[in-house]
Amino acid sequence: MSSAHAHSHDKEKPKPGSAMGSCTMDKSCETIVQVFHRYSMRDGKDDNLSFRDLKQFLQDQLPTFLAACGRSRPQYLEELFTKMDVNKDKVLSFEETARIVALAVDDFHRISHNEDRCGPDRD
C-alpha cells in the first residue's frame, strides 16, 4: 500500500497515559478508563474492583442504571458481581467491569427509545 493510501489504523499508537484522540467515542472510552482507575487504584490498590468498590462505582457513576429494575438491591449487586467475575478471583478487572458498563450503555439506549428497561432486549 502506498503512503497516499494509508488508513487511520496505520497511525502511530498513542503513548500510555496520553490522550487517545479527539473524537467523541475516543473521549468517552478514555473517560471510562479514567473513572475506573479512580475506584480501582485508590490507596495503592491493584487496578481491580472489590465488591465494595463496584458498589460505590455504580452508586456514584451509574445511578440511572441502578434506579431501574431493582438493581439497587444488595442481592442484585452481589449476583452481578459474581456473574461478571469470570475468573472467580473475587475482584473485577477492567475487562470484567467493562461488561457492566456495556449493560448500562444498553440501558441508556433503551431509555432513548422509550423501551422497557427491565424486559428482554427487543433486538
PDB file of N, CA and C in Angstrom:
ATOM      1  N   MET A   1       0.845  -1.162   0.000  1.00  0.00           N
ATOM      2  CA  MET A   1       0.000   0.000   0.000  1.00  0.00           C
ATOM      3  C   MET A   1       0.895   1.230   0.000  1.00  0.00           C
ATOM      4  N   SER A   2       0.573   2.172  -0.829  1.00  0.00           N
ATOM      5  CA  SER A   2       1.365   3.393  -0.890  1.00  0.00           C
ATOM      6  C   SER A   2       1.003   4.290   0.277  1.00  0.00           C
ATOM      7  N   SER A   3       1.900   5.219   0.593  1.00  0.00           N
ATOM      8  CA  SER A   3       1.634   6.119   1.712  1.00  0.00           C
ATOM      9  C   SER A   3       0.439   7.011   1.431  1.00  0.00           C
ATOM     10  N   ALA A   4       0.109   7.230   0.179  1.00  0.00           N
ATOM     11  CA  ALA A   4      -1.049   8.049  -0.167  1.00  0.00           C
ATOM     12  C   ALA A   4      -2.351   7.359   0.225  1.00  0.00           C
ATOM     13  N   HIS A   5      -2.300   6.027   0.408  1.00  0.00           N
ATOM     14  CA  HIS A   5      -3.494   5.266   0.760  1.00  0.00           C
ATOM     15  C   HIS A   5      -3.450   4.750   2.201  1.00  0.00           C
ATOM     16  N   ALA A   6      -2.683   5.396   3.039  1.00  0.00           N
ATOM     17  CA  ALA A   6      -2.599   4.966   4.433  1.00  0.00           C
ATOM     18  C   ALA A   6      -3.948   5.185   5.121  1.00  0.00           C
ATOM     19  N   HIS A   7      -4.278   4.281   6.013  1.00  0.00           N
ATOM     20  CA  HIS A   7      -5.532   4.366   6.751  1.00  0.00           C
ATOM     21  C   HIS A   7      -5.256   4.876   8.161  1.00  0.00           C
ATOM     22  N   SER A   8      -6.302   5.332   8.827  1.00  0.00           N
ATOM     23  CA  SER A   8      -6.153   5.867  10.174  1.00  0.00           C
ATOM     24  C   SER A   8      -5.605   4.820  11.135  1.00  0.00           C
ATOM     25  N   HIS A   9      -5.883   3.518  10.893  1.00  0.00           N
ATOM     26  CA  HIS A   9      -5.375   2.496  11.796  1.00  0.00           C
ATOM     27  C   HIS A   9      -3.879   2.269  11.628  1.00  0.00           C
ATOM     28  N   ASP A  10      -3.275   2.873  10.599  1.00  0.00           N
ATOM     29  CA  ASP A  10      -1.849   2.755  10.375  1.00  0.00           C
ATOM     30  C   ASP A  10      -1.063   3.811  11.143  1.00  0.00           C
ATOM     31  N   LYS A  11      -1.746   4.737  11.804  1.00  0.00           N
ATOM     32  CA  LYS A  11      -1.078   5.795  12.545  1.00  0.00           C
ATOM     33  C   LYS A  11      -0.349   5.215  13.745  1.00  0.00           C
ATOM     34  N   GLU A  12       0.609   5.992  14.237  1.00  0.00           N
ATOM     35  CA  GLU A  12       1.347   5.591  15.430  1.00  0.00           C
ATOM     36  C   GLU A  12       0.392   5.461  16.609  1.00  0.00           C
ATOM     37  N   LYS A  13       0.597   4.426  17.407  1.00  0.00           N
ATOM     38  CA  LYS A  13      -0.249   4.209  18.572  1.00  0.00           C
ATOM     39  C   LYS A  13       0.056   5.266  19.627  1.00  0.00           C
ATOM     40  N   PRO A  14      -0.970   5.689  20.398  1.00  0.00           N
ATOM     41  CA  PRO A  14      -0.729   6.668  21.450  1.00  0.00           C
ATOM     42  C   PRO A  14       0.146   6.090  22.546  1.00  0.00           C
ATOM     43  N   LYS A  15       0.915   6.949  23.175  1.00  0.00           N
ATOM     44  CA  LYS A  15       1.768   6.521  24.282  1.00  0.00           C
ATOM     45  C   LYS A  15       0.890   6.268  25.503  1.00  0.00           C
ATOM     46  N   PRO A  16       1.275   5.300  26.356  1.00  0.00           N
ATOM     47  CA  PRO A  16       0.480   5.034  27.553  1.00  0.00           C
ATOM     48  C   PRO A  16       0.286   6.309  28.371  1.00  0.00           C
ATOM     49  N   GLY A  17      -0.954   6.507  28.819  1.00  0.00           N
ATOM     50  CA  GLY A  17      -1.271   7.658  29.644  1.00  0.00           C
ATOM     51  C   GLY A  17      -1.550   8.932  28.866  1.00  0.00           C
ATOM     52  N   SER A  18      -1.365   8.903  27.551  1.00  0.00           N
ATOM     53  CA  SER A  18      -1.621  10.104  26.758  1.00  0.00           C
ATOM     54  C   SER A  18      -3.062  10.112  26.286  1.00  0.00           C
ATOM     55  N   ALA A  19      -3.519  11.272  25.841  1.00  0.00           N
ATOM     56  CA  ALA A  19      -4.876  11.376  25.311  1.00  0.00           C
ATOM     57  C   ALA A  19      -4.994  10.458  24.107  1.00  0.00           C
ATOM     58  N   MET A  20      -6.096   9.747  24.016  1.00  0.00           N
ATOM     59  CA  MET A  20      -6.272   8.752  22.961  1.00  0.00           C
ATOM     60  C   MET A  20      -6.791   9.338  21.665  1.00  0.00           C
ATOM     61  N   GLY A  21      -7.457  10.451  21.710  1.00  0.00           N
ATOM     62  CA  GLY A  21      -7.997  11.015  20.496  1.00  0.00           C
ATOM     63  C   GLY A  21      -8.943  12.146  20.807  1.00  0.00           C
ATOM     64  N   SER A  22      -9.421  12.749  19.756  1.00  0.00           N
ATOM     65  CA  SER A  22     -10.274  13.914  19.973  1.00  0.00           C
ATOM     66  C   SER A  22     -11.724  13.676  19.567  1.00  0.00           C
ATOM     67  N   CYS A  23     -12.051  12.534  18.993  1.00  0.00           N
ATOM     68  CA  CYS A  23     -13.446  12.316  18.612  1.00  0.00           C
ATOM     69  C   CYS A  23     -14.260  11.862  19.829  1.00  0.00           C
ATOM     70  N   THR A  24     -15.556  11.955  19.728  1.00  0.00           N
ATOM     71  CA  THR A  24     -16.458  11.719  20.851  1.00  0.00           C
ATOM     72  C   THR A  24     -16.284  10.336  21.470  1.00  0.00           C
ATOM     73  N   MET A  25     -16.231   9.304  20.671  1.00  0.00           N
ATOM     74  CA  MET A  25     -16.131   7.945  21.221  1.00  0.00           C
ATOM     75  C   MET A  25     -14.768   7.706  21.859  1.00  0.00           C
ATOM     76  N   ASP A  26     -13.703   8.223  21.250  1.00  0.00           N
ATOM     77  CA  ASP A  26     -12.383   8.101  21.883  1.00  0.00           C
ATOM     78  C   ASP A  26     -12.405   8.758  23.259  1.00  0.00           C
ATOM     79  N   LYS A  27     -12.957   9.943  23.340  1.00  0.00           N
ATOM     80  CA  LYS A  27     -13.022  10.659  24.622  1.00  0.00           C
ATOM     81  C   LYS A  27     -13.874   9.887  25.620  1.00  0.00           C
ATOM     82  N   SER A  28     -14.986   9.340  25.162  1.00  0.00           N
ATOM     83  CA  SER A  28     -15.857   8.571  26.051  1.00  0.00           C
ATOM     84  C   SER A  28     -15.133   7.350  26.606  1.00  0.00           C
ATOM     85  N   CYS A  29     -14.407   6.648  25.757  1.00  0.00           N
ATOM     86  CA  CYS A  29     -13.653   5.473  26.202  1.00  0.00           C
ATOM     87  C   CYS A  29     -12.562   5.876  27.192  1.00  0.00           C
ATOM     88  N   GLU A  30     -11.872   6.959  26.899  1.00  0.00           N
ATOM     89  CA  GLU A  30     -10.833   7.441  27.802  1.00  0.00           C
ATOM     90  C   GLU A  30     -11.439   7.809  29.157  1.00  0.00           C
ATOM     91  N   THR A  31     -12.601   8.426  29.156  1.00  0.00           N
ATOM     92  CA  THR A  31     -13.277   8.791  30.402  1.00  0.00           C
ATOM     93  C   THR A  31     -13.642   7.552  31.202  1.00  0.00           C
ATOM     94  N   ILE A  32     -14.140   6.521  30.544  1.00  0.00           N
ATOM     95  CA  ILE A  32     -14.489   5.275  31.233  1.00  0.00           C
ATOM     96  C   ILE A  32     -13.260   4.695  31.923  1.00  0.00           C
ATOM     97  N   VAL A  33     -12.130   4.688  31.243  1.00  0.00           N
ATOM     98  CA  VAL A  33     -10.890   4.163  31.837  1.00  0.00           C
ATOM     99  C   VAL A  33     -10.474   5.020  33.037  1.00  0.00           C
ATOM    100  N   GLN A  34     -10.523   6.333  32.880  1.00  0.00           N
ATOM    101  CA  GLN A  34     -10.134   7.222  33.977  1.00  0.00           C
ATOM    102  C   GLN A  34     -11.030   7.035  35.202  1.00  0.00           C
ATOM    103  N   VAL A  35     -12.330   6.922  34.984  1.00  0.00           N
ATOM    104  CA  VAL A  35     -13.257   6.729  36.102  1.00  0.00           C
ATOM    105  C   VAL A  35     -13.005   5.369  36.761  1.00  0.00           C
ATOM    106  N   PHE A  36     -12.808   4.332  35.967  1.00  0.00           N
ATOM    107  CA  PHE A  36     -12.479   3.017  36.529  1.00  0.00           C
ATOM    108  C   PHE A  36     -11.256   3.122  37.435  1.00  0.00           C
ATOM    109  N   HIS A  37     -10.224   3.815  36.974  1.00  0.00           N
ATOM    110  CA  HIS A  37      -8.995   3.949  37.765  1.00  0.00           C
ATOM    111  C   HIS A  37      -9.227   4.703  39.080  1.00  0.00           C
ATOM    112  N   ARG A  38     -10.172   5.628  39.106  1.00  0.00           N
ATOM    113  CA  ARG A  38     -10.484   6.332  40.368  1.00  0.00           C
ATOM    114  C   ARG A  38     -10.909   5.353  41.453  1.00  0.00           C
ATOM    115  N   TYR A  39     -11.567   4.283  41.056  1.00  0.00           N
ATOM    116  CA  TYR A  39     -12.071   3.306  42.022  1.00  0.00           C
ATOM    117  C   TYR A  39     -11.142   2.099  42.163  1.00  0.00           C
ATOM    118  N   SER A  40     -10.396   1.775  41.148  1.00  0.00           N
ATOM    119  CA  SER A  40      -9.585   0.559  41.167  1.00  0.00           C
ATOM    120  C   SER A  40      -8.161   0.776  41.672  1.00  0.00           C
ATOM    121  N   MET A  41      -7.713   2.008  41.698  1.00  0.00           N
ATOM    122  CA  MET A  41      -6.320   2.257  42.070  1.00  0.00           C
ATOM    123  C   MET A  41      -6.204   3.175  43.288  1.00  0.00           C
ATOM    124  N   ARG A  42      -7.285   3.299  44.061  1.00  0.00           N
ATOM    125  CA  ARG A  42      -7.227   4.093  45.287  1.00  0.00           C
ATOM    126  C   ARG A  42      -6.365   3.387  46.320  1.00  0.00           C
ATOM    127  N   ASP A  43      -5.722   4.160  47.136  1.00  0.00           N
ATOM    128  CA  ASP A  43      -4.969   3.619  48.281  1.00  0.00           C
ATOM    129  C   ASP A  43      -4.010   2.497  47.872  1.00  0.00           C
ATOM    130  N   GLY A  44      -3.328   2.665  46.743  1.00  0.00           N
ATOM    131  CA  GLY A  44      -2.350   1.679  46.309  1.00  0.00           C
ATOM    132  C   GLY A  44      -2.932   0.363  45.853  1.00  0.00           C
ATOM    133  N   LYS A  45      -4.189   0.358  45.433  1.00  0.00           N
ATOM    134  CA  LYS A  45      -4.848  -0.877  45.005  1.00  0.00           C
ATOM    135  C   LYS A  45      -4.266  -1.384  43.688  1.00  0.00           C
ATOM    136  N   ASP A  46      -4.702  -2.542  43.278  1.00  0.00           N
ATOM    137  CA  ASP A  46      -4.087  -3.289  42.181  1.00  0.00           C
ATOM    138  C   ASP A  46      -4.836  -3.219  40.851  1.00  0.00           C
ATOM    139  N   ASP A  47      -5.577  -2.150  40.584  1.00  0.00           N
ATOM    140  CA  ASP A  47      -6.275  -1.973  39.311  1.00  0.00           C
ATOM    141  C   ASP A  47      -7.401  -2.980  39.115  1.00  0.00           C
ATOM    142  N   ASN A  48      -8.040  -3.357  40.216  1.00  0.00           N
ATOM    143  CA  ASN A  48      -9.221  -4.220  40.210  1.00  0.00           C
ATOM    144  C   ASN A  48     -10.257  -3.621  41.151  1.00  0.00           C
ATOM    145  N   LEU A  49     -11.509  -4.021  40.983  1.00  0.00           N
ATOM    146  CA  LEU A  49     -12.565  -3.574  41.872  1.00  0.00           C
ATOM    147  C   LEU A  49     -13.005  -4.709  42.789  1.00  0.00           C
ATOM    148  N   SER A  50     -13.031  -4.438  44.079  1.00  0.00           N
ATOM    149  CA  SER A  50     -13.648  -5.368  45.031  1.00  0.00           C
ATOM    150  C   SER A  50     -15.159  -5.173  44.925  1.00  0.00           C
ATOM    151  N   PHE A  51     -15.921  -5.990  45.623  1.00  0.00           N
ATOM    152  CA  PHE A  51     -17.367  -5.808  45.630  1.00  0.00           C
ATOM    153  C   PHE A  51     -17.714  -4.416  46.158  1.00  0.00           C
ATOM    154  N   ARG A  52     -17.078  -4.005  47.244  1.00  0.00           N
ATOM    155  CA  ARG A  52     -17.329  -2.685  47.830  1.00  0.00           C
ATOM    156  C   ARG A  52     -17.018  -1.575  46.824  1.00  0.00           C
ATOM    157  N   ASP A  53     -15.893  -1.711  46.097  1.00  0.00           N
ATOM    158  CA  ASP A  53     -15.521  -0.725  45.080  1.00  0.00           C
ATOM    159  C   ASP A  53     -16.571  -0.661  43.972  1.00  0.00           C
ATOM    160  N   LEU A  54     -17.035  -1.824  43.516  1.00  0.00           N
ATOM    161  CA  LEU A  54     -18.031  -1.863  42.450  1.00  0.00           C
ATOM    162  C   LEU A  54     -19.319  -1.184  42.899  1.00  0.00           C
ATOM    163  N   LYS A  55     -19.751  -1.487  44.106  1.00  0.00           N
ATOM    164  CA  LYS A  55     -20.975  -0.884  44.631  1.00  0.00           C
ATOM    165  C   LYS A  55     -20.849   0.636  44.659  1.00  0.00           C
ATOM    166  N   GLN A  56     -19.722   1.148  45.130  1.00  0.00           N
ATOM    167  CA  GLN A  56     -19.501   2.596  45.182  1.00  0.00           C
ATOM    168  C   GLN A  56     -19.428   3.186  43.774  1.00  0.00           C
ATOM    169  N   PHE A  57     -18.733   2.506  42.881  1.00  0.00           N
ATOM    170  CA  PHE A  57     -18.611   2.929  41.480  1.00  0.00           C
ATOM    171  C   PHE A  57     -19.996   3.082  40.851  1.00  0.00           C
ATOM    172  N   LEU A  58     -20.841   2.073  41.019  1.00  0.00           N
ATOM    173  CA  LEU A  58     -22.177   2.116  40.430  1.00  0.00           C
ATOM    174  C   LEU A  58     -23.044   3.196  41.070  1.00  0.00           C
ATOM    175  N   GLN A  59     -22.986   3.319  42.381  1.00  0.00           N
ATOM    176  CA  GLN A  59     -23.789   4.332  43.066  1.00  0.00           C
ATOM    177  C   GLN A  59     -23.367   5.747  42.661  1.00  0.00           C
ATOM    178  N   ASP A  60     -22.072   5.972  42.539  1.00  0.00           N
ATOM    179  CA  ASP A  60     -21.562   7.300  42.200  1.00  0.00           C
ATOM    180  C   ASP A  60     -21.689   7.626  40.715  1.00  0.00           C
ATOM    181  N   GLN A  61     -21.427   6.644  39.865  1.00  0.00           N
ATOM    182  CA  GLN A  61     -21.257   6.909  38.437  1.00  0.00           C
ATOM    183  C   GLN A  61     -22.414   6.457  37.555  1.00  0.00           C
ATOM    184  N   LEU A  62     -23.204   5.499  38.001  1.00  0.00           N
ATOM    185  CA  LEU A  62     -24.294   4.975  37.170  1.00  0.00           C
ATOM    186  C   LEU A  62     -25.606   4.872  37.949  1.00  0.00           C
ATOM    187  N   PRO A  63     -26.013   5.965  38.613  1.00  0.00           N
ATOM    188  CA  PRO A  63     -27.246   5.900  39.407  1.00  0.00           C
ATOM    189  C   PRO A  63     -28.493   5.670  38.561  1.00  0.00           C
ATOM    190  N   THR A  64     -28.521   6.135  37.335  1.00  0.00           N
ATOM    191  CA  THR A  64     -29.681   5.907  36.462  1.00  0.00           C
ATOM    192  C   THR A  64     -29.846   4.419  36.186  1.00  0.00           C
ATOM    193  N   PHE A  65     -28.749   3.736  35.927  1.00  0.00           N
ATOM    194  CA  PHE A  65     -28.771   2.289  35.712  1.00  0.00           C
ATOM    195  C   PHE A  65     -29.301   1.582  36.955  1.00  0.00           C
ATOM    196  N   LEU A  66     -28.809   1.977  38.137  1.00  0.00           N
ATOM    197  CA  LEU A  66     -29.215   1.319  39.379  1.00  0.00           C
ATOM    198  C   LEU A  66     -30.659   1.606  39.758  1.00  0.00           C
ATOM    199  N   ALA A  67     -31.212   2.698  39.261  1.00  0.00           N
ATOM    200  CA  ALA A  67     -32.550   3.129  39.680  1.00  0.00           C
ATOM    201  C   ALA A  67     -33.668   2.247  39.127  1.00  0.00           C
ATOM    202  N   ALA A  68     -33.412   1.462  38.122  1.00  0.00           N
ATOM    203  CA  ALA A  68     -34.461   0.667  37.470  1.00  0.00           C
ATOM    204  C   ALA A  68     -34.327  -0.810  37.819  1.00  0.00           C
ATOM    205  N   CYS A  69     -35.439  -1.489  37.739  1.00  0.00           N
ATOM    206  CA  CYS A  69     -35.482  -2.957  37.749  1.00  0.00           C
ATOM    207  C   CYS A  69     -34.954  -3.593  39.035  1.00  0.00           C
ATOM    208  N   GLY A  70     -34.968  -2.880  40.127  1.00  0.00           N
ATOM    209  CA  GLY A  70     -34.479  -3.439  41.387  1.00  0.00           C
ATOM    210  C   GLY A  70     -32.982  -3.624  41.435  1.00  0.00           C
ATOM    211  N   ARG A  71     -32.257  -2.912  40.583  1.00  0.00           N
ATOM    212  CA  ARG A  71     -30.807  -3.093  40.511  1.00  0.00           C
ATOM    213  C   ARG A  71     -30.063  -2.562  41.731  1.00  0.00           C
ATOM    214  N   SER A  72     -30.688  -1.720  42.516  1.00  0.00           N
ATOM    215  CA  SER A  72     -30.003  -1.187  43.699  1.00  0.00           C
ATOM    216  C   SER A  72     -30.073  -2.154  44.879  1.00  0.00           C
ATOM    217  N   ARG A  73     -30.836  -3.235  44.733  1.00  0.00           N
ATOM    218  CA  ARG A  73     -30.933  -4.235  45.801  1.00  0.00           C
ATOM    219  C   ARG A  73     -29.577  -4.908  46.026  1.00  0.00           C
ATOM    220  N   PRO A  74     -29.189  -5.110  47.286  1.00  0.00           N
ATOM    221  CA  PRO A  74     -27.908  -5.789  47.557  1.00  0.00           C
ATOM    222  C   PRO A  74     -27.793  -7.141  46.849  1.00  0.00           C
ATOM    223  N   GLN A  75     -28.895  -7.892  46.784  1.00  0.00           N
ATOM    224  CA  GLN A  75     -28.843  -9.205  46.131  1.00  0.00           C
ATOM    225  C   GLN A  75     -28.506  -9.071  44.648  1.00  0.00           C
ATOM    226  N   TYR A  76     -29.090  -8.074  43.966  1.00  0.00           N
ATOM    227  CA  TYR A  76     -28.778  -7.871  42.545  1.00  0.00           C
ATOM    228  C   TYR A  76     -27.294  -7.553  42.375  1.00  0.00           C
ATOM    229  N   LEU A  77     -26.790  -6.656  43.213  1.00  0.00           N
ATOM    230  CA  LEU A  77     -25.381  -6.261  43.094  1.00  0.00           C
ATOM    231  C   LEU A  77     -24.451  -7.450  43.347  1.00  0.00           C
ATOM    232  N   GLU A  78     -24.790  -8.278  44.323  1.00  0.00           N
ATOM    233  CA  GLU A  78     -23.979  -9.467  44.606  1.00  0.00           C
ATOM    234  C   GLU A  78     -24.010 -10.439  43.426  1.00  0.00           C
ATOM    235  N   GLU A  79     -25.199 -10.651  42.855  1.00  0.00           N
ATOM    236  CA  GLU A  79     -25.318 -11.555  41.701  1.00  0.00           C
ATOM    237  C   GLU A  79     -24.570 -11.005  40.496  1.00  0.00           C
ATOM    238  N   LEU A  80     -24.667  -9.699  40.279  1.00  0.00           N
ATOM    239  CA  LEU A  80     -23.960  -9.070  39.162  1.00  0.00           C
ATOM    240  C   LEU A  80     -22.455  -9.239  39.323  1.00  0.00           C
ATOM    241  N   PHE A  81     -21.943  -8.971  40.521  1.00  0.00           N
ATOM    242  CA  PHE A  81     -20.516  -9.112  40.788  1.00  0.00           C
ATOM    243  C   PHE A  81     -20.067 -10.544  40.518  1.00  0.00           C
ATOM    244  N   THR A  82     -20.798 -11.510  41.051  1.00  0.00           N
ATOM    245  CA  THR A  82     -20.438 -12.924  40.886  1.00  0.00           C
ATOM    246  C   THR A  82     -20.467 -13.333  39.415  1.00  0.00           C
ATOM    247  N   LYS A  83     -21.498 -12.896  38.706  1.00  0.00           N
ATOM    248  CA  LYS A  83     -21.634 -13.239  37.278  1.00  0.00           C
ATOM    249  C   LYS A  83     -20.504 -12.637  36.447  1.00  0.00           C
ATOM    250  N   MET A  84     -20.114 -11.408  36.746  1.00  0.00           N
ATOM    251  CA  MET A  84     -19.088 -10.731  35.951  1.00  0.00           C
ATOM    252  C   MET A  84     -17.666 -11.136  36.336  1.00  0.00           C
ATOM    253  N   ASP A  85     -17.489 -11.727  37.503  1.00  0.00           N
ATOM    254  CA  ASP A  85     -16.170 -12.195  37.945  1.00  0.00           C
ATOM    255  C   ASP A  85     -15.863 -13.522  37.243  1.00  0.00           C
ATOM    256  N   VAL A  86     -15.541 -13.425  35.974  1.00  0.00           N
ATOM    257  CA  VAL A  86     -15.384 -14.594  35.110  1.00  0.00           C
ATOM    258  C   VAL A  86     -14.330 -15.565  35.639  1.00  0.00           C
ATOM    259  N   ASN A  87     -13.200 -15.046  36.097  1.00  0.00           N
ATOM    260  CA  ASN A  87     -12.130 -15.936  36.561  1.00  0.00           C
ATOM    261  C   ASN A  87     -12.247 -16.282  38.049  1.00  0.00           C
ATOM    262  N   LYS A  88     -13.306 -15.820  38.704  1.00  0.00           N
ATOM    263  CA  LYS A  88     -13.638 -16.153  40.095  1.00  0.00           C
ATOM    264  C   LYS A  88     -12.517 -15.827  41.078  1.00  0.00           C
ATOM    265  N   ASP A  89     -11.839 -14.682  40.854  1.00  0.00           N
ATOM    266  CA  ASP A  89     -10.777 -14.264  41.771  1.00  0.00           C
ATOM    267  C   ASP A  89     -11.265 -13.260  42.813  1.00  0.00           C
ATOM    268  N   LYS A  90     -12.568 -13.034  42.855  1.00  0.00           N
ATOM    269  CA  LYS A  90     -13.235 -12.175  43.840  1.00  0.00           C
ATOM    270  C   LYS A  90     -12.903 -10.690  43.706  1.00  0.00           C
ATOM    271  N   VAL A  91     -12.405 -10.297  42.544  1.00  0.00           N
ATOM    272  CA  VAL A  91     -12.238  -8.891  42.158  1.00  0.00           C
ATOM    273  C   VAL A  91     -12.591  -8.782  40.686  1.00  0.00           C
ATOM    274  N   LEU A  92     -12.939  -7.568  40.256  1.00  0.00           N
ATOM    275  CA  LEU A  92     -13.255  -7.359  38.842  1.00  0.00           C
ATOM    276  C   LEU A  92     -12.141  -6.590  38.168  1.00  0.00           C
ATOM    277  N   SER A  93     -11.636  -7.144  37.092  1.00  0.00           N
ATOM    278  CA  SER A  93     -10.652  -6.460  36.252  1.00  0.00           C
ATOM    279  C   SER A  93     -11.371  -5.399  35.430  1.00  0.00           C
ATOM    280  N   PHE A  94     -10.602  -4.621  34.688  1.00  0.00           N
ATOM    281  CA  PHE A  94     -11.243  -3.630  33.821  1.00  0.00           C
ATOM    282  C   PHE A  94     -12.150  -4.326  32.808  1.00  0.00           C
ATOM    283  N   GLU A  95     -11.677  -5.400  32.206  1.00  0.00           N
ATOM    284  CA  GLU A  95     -12.474  -6.105  31.201  1.00  0.00           C
ATOM    285  C   GLU A  95     -13.786  -6.616  31.791  1.00  0.00           C
ATOM    286  N   GLU A  96     -13.732  -7.161  32.993  1.00  0.00           N
ATOM    287  CA  GLU A  96     -14.946  -7.648  33.642  1.00  0.00           C
ATOM    288  C   GLU A  96     -15.887  -6.490  33.967  1.00  0.00           C
ATOM    289  N   THR A  97     -15.342  -5.376  34.413  1.00  0.00           N
ATOM    290  CA  THR A  97     -16.149  -4.196  34.730  1.00  0.00           C
ATOM    291  C   THR A  97     -16.735  -3.584  33.467  1.00  0.00           C
ATOM    292  N   ALA A  98     -16.007  -3.643  32.369  1.00  0.00           N
ATOM    293  CA  ALA A  98     -16.495  -3.088  31.099  1.00  0.00           C
ATOM    294  C   ALA A  98     -17.770  -3.790  30.647  1.00  0.00           C
ATOM    295  N   ARG A  99     -17.940  -5.036  31.006  1.00  0.00           N
ATOM    296  CA  ARG A  99     -19.177  -5.752  30.683  1.00  0.00           C
ATOM    297  C   ARG A  99     -20.364  -5.126  31.413  1.00  0.00           C
ATOM    298  N   ILE A 100     -20.137  -4.652  32.628  1.00  0.00           N
ATOM    299  CA  ILE A 100     -21.196  -3.967  33.382  1.00  0.00           C
ATOM    300  C   ILE A 100     -21.482  -2.612  32.758  1.00  0.00           C
ATOM    301  N   VAL A 101     -20.433  -1.912  32.362  1.00  0.00           N
ATOM    302  CA  VAL A 101     -20.616  -0.617  31.690  1.00  0.00           C
ATOM    303  C   VAL A 101     -21.413  -0.820  30.399  1.00  0.00           C
ATOM    304  N   ALA A 102     -21.161  -1.911  29.695  1.00  0.00           N
ATOM    305  CA  ALA A 102     -21.927  -2.201  28.472  1.00  0.00           C
ATOM    306  C   ALA A 102     -23.410  -2.405  28.785  1.00  0.00           C
ATOM    307  N   LEU A 103     -23.725  -3.033  29.903  1.00  0.00           N
ATOM    308  CA  LEU A 103     -25.127  -3.174  30.317  1.00  0.00           C
ATOM    309  C   LEU A 103     -25.758  -1.804  30.556  1.00  0.00           C
ATOM    310  N   ALA A 104     -25.000  -0.910  31.173  1.00  0.00           N
ATOM    311  CA  ALA A 104     -25.507   0.442  31.427  1.00  0.00           C
ATOM    312  C   ALA A 104     -25.703   1.206  30.122  1.00  0.00           C
ATOM    313  N   VAL A 105     -24.795   1.053  29.182  1.00  0.00           N
ATOM    314  CA  VAL A 105     -24.936   1.714  27.883  1.00  0.00           C
ATOM    315  C   VAL A 105     -26.179   1.194  27.173  1.00  0.00           C
ATOM    316  N   ASP A 106     -26.401  -0.109  27.227  1.00  0.00           N
ATOM    317  CA  ASP A 106     -27.619  -0.684  26.645  1.00  0.00           C
ATOM    318  C   ASP A 106     -28.863  -0.115  27.324  1.00  0.00           C
ATOM    319  N   ASP A 107     -28.793   0.065  28.630  1.00  0.00           N
ATOM    320  CA  ASP A 107     -29.906   0.652  29.378  1.00  0.00           C
ATOM    321  C   ASP A 107     -30.195   2.063  28.858  1.00  0.00           C
ATOM    322  N   PHE A 108     -29.166   2.859  28.648  1.00  0.00           N
ATOM    323  CA  PHE A 108     -29.357   4.211  28.119  1.00  0.00           C
ATOM    324  C   PHE A 108     -29.903   4.184  26.692  1.00  0.00           C
ATOM    325  N   HIS A 109     -29.528   3.189  25.921  1.00  0.00           N
ATOM    326  CA  HIS A 109     -30.075   3.050  24.572  1.00  0.00           C
ATOM    327  C   HIS A 109     -31.574   2.773  24.650  1.00  0.00           C
ATOM    328  N   ARG A 110     -31.971   1.899  25.570  1.00  0.00           N
ATOM    329  CA  ARG A 110     -33.400   1.617  25.764  1.00  0.00           C
ATOM    330  C   ARG A 110     -34.150   2.874  26.190  1.00  0.00           C
ATOM    331  N   ILE A 111     -33.558   3.658  27.076  1.00  0.00           N
ATOM    332  CA  ILE A 111     -34.172   4.917  27.511  1.00  0.00           C
ATOM    333  C   ILE A 111     -34.390   5.830  26.304  1.00  0.00           C
ATOM    334  N   SER A 112     -33.404   5.893  25.411  1.00  0.00           N
ATOM    335  CA  SER A 112     -33.505   6.785  24.248  1.00  0.00           C
ATOM    336  C   SER A 112     -34.656   6.407  23.325  1.00  0.00           C
ATOM    337  N   HIS A 113     -35.090   5.138  23.377  1.00  0.00           N
ATOM    338  CA  HIS A 113     -36.201   4.654  22.549  1.00  0.00           C
ATOM    339  C   HIS A 113     -37.486   4.458  23.353  1.00  0.00           C
ATOM    340  N   ASN A 114     -37.479   4.920  24.601  1.00  0.00           N
ATOM    341  CA  ASN A 114     -38.635   4.729  25.498  1.00  0.00           C
ATOM    342  C   ASN A 114     -39.050   3.265  25.595  1.00  0.00           C
ATOM    343  N   GLU A 115     -38.068   2.363  25.630  1.00  0.00           N
ATOM    344  CA  GLU A 115     -38.338   0.933  25.730  1.00  0.00           C
ATOM    345  C   GLU A 115     -38.305   0.477  27.187  1.00  0.00           C
ATOM    346  N   ASP A 116     -38.905  -0.671  27.429  1.00  0.00           N
ATOM    347  CA  ASP A 116     -38.879  -1.289  28.750  1.00  0.00           C
ATOM    348  C   ASP A 116     -37.438  -1.623  29.109  1.00  0.00           C
ATOM    349  N   ARG A 117     -36.966  -1.065  30.211  1.00  0.00           N
ATOM    350  CA  ARG A 117     -35.592  -1.282  30.645  1.00  0.00           C
ATOM    351  C   ARG A 117     -35.414  -2.601  31.376  1.00  0.00           C
ATOM    352  N   CYS A 118     -36.508  -3.225  31.769  1.00  0.00           N
ATOM    353  CA  CYS A 118     -36.420  -4.416  32.603  1.00  0.00           C
ATOM    354  C   CYS A 118     -36.772  -5.707  31.863  1.00  0.00           C
ATOM    355  N   GLY A 119     -37.367  -5.593  30.710  1.00  0.00           N
ATOM    356  CA  GLY A 119     -37.754  -6.774  29.938  1.00  0.00           C
ATOM    357  C   GLY A 119     -36.634  -7.245  29.038  1.00  0.00           C
ATOM    358  N   PRO A 120     -36.892  -8.292  28.283  1.00  0.00           N
ATOM    359  CA  PRO A 120     -35.870  -8.796  27.352  1.00  0.00           C
ATOM    360  C   PRO A 120     -35.591  -7.773  26.255  1.00  0.00           C
ATOM    361  N   ASP A 121     -34.374  -7.819  25.739  1.00  0.00           N
ATOM    362  CA  ASP A 121     -33.981  -6.914  24.653  1.00  0.00           C
ATOM    363  C   ASP A 121     -34.816  -7.219  23.419  1.00  0.00           C
ATOM    364  N   ARG A 122     -35.266  -6.174  22.740  1.00  0.00           N
ATOM    365  CA  ARG A 122     -36.128  -6.353  21.574  1.00  0.00           C
ATOM    366  C   ARG A 122     -35.346  -6.551  20.284  1.00  0.00           C
ATOM    367  N   ASP A 123     -34.046  -6.442  20.324  1.00  0.00           N
ATOM    368  CA  ASP A 123     -33.238  -6.594  19.096  1.00  0.00           C
ATOM    369  C   ASP A 123     -33.118  -8.030  18.678  1.00  0.00           C
TER     370      ASP A 123
END
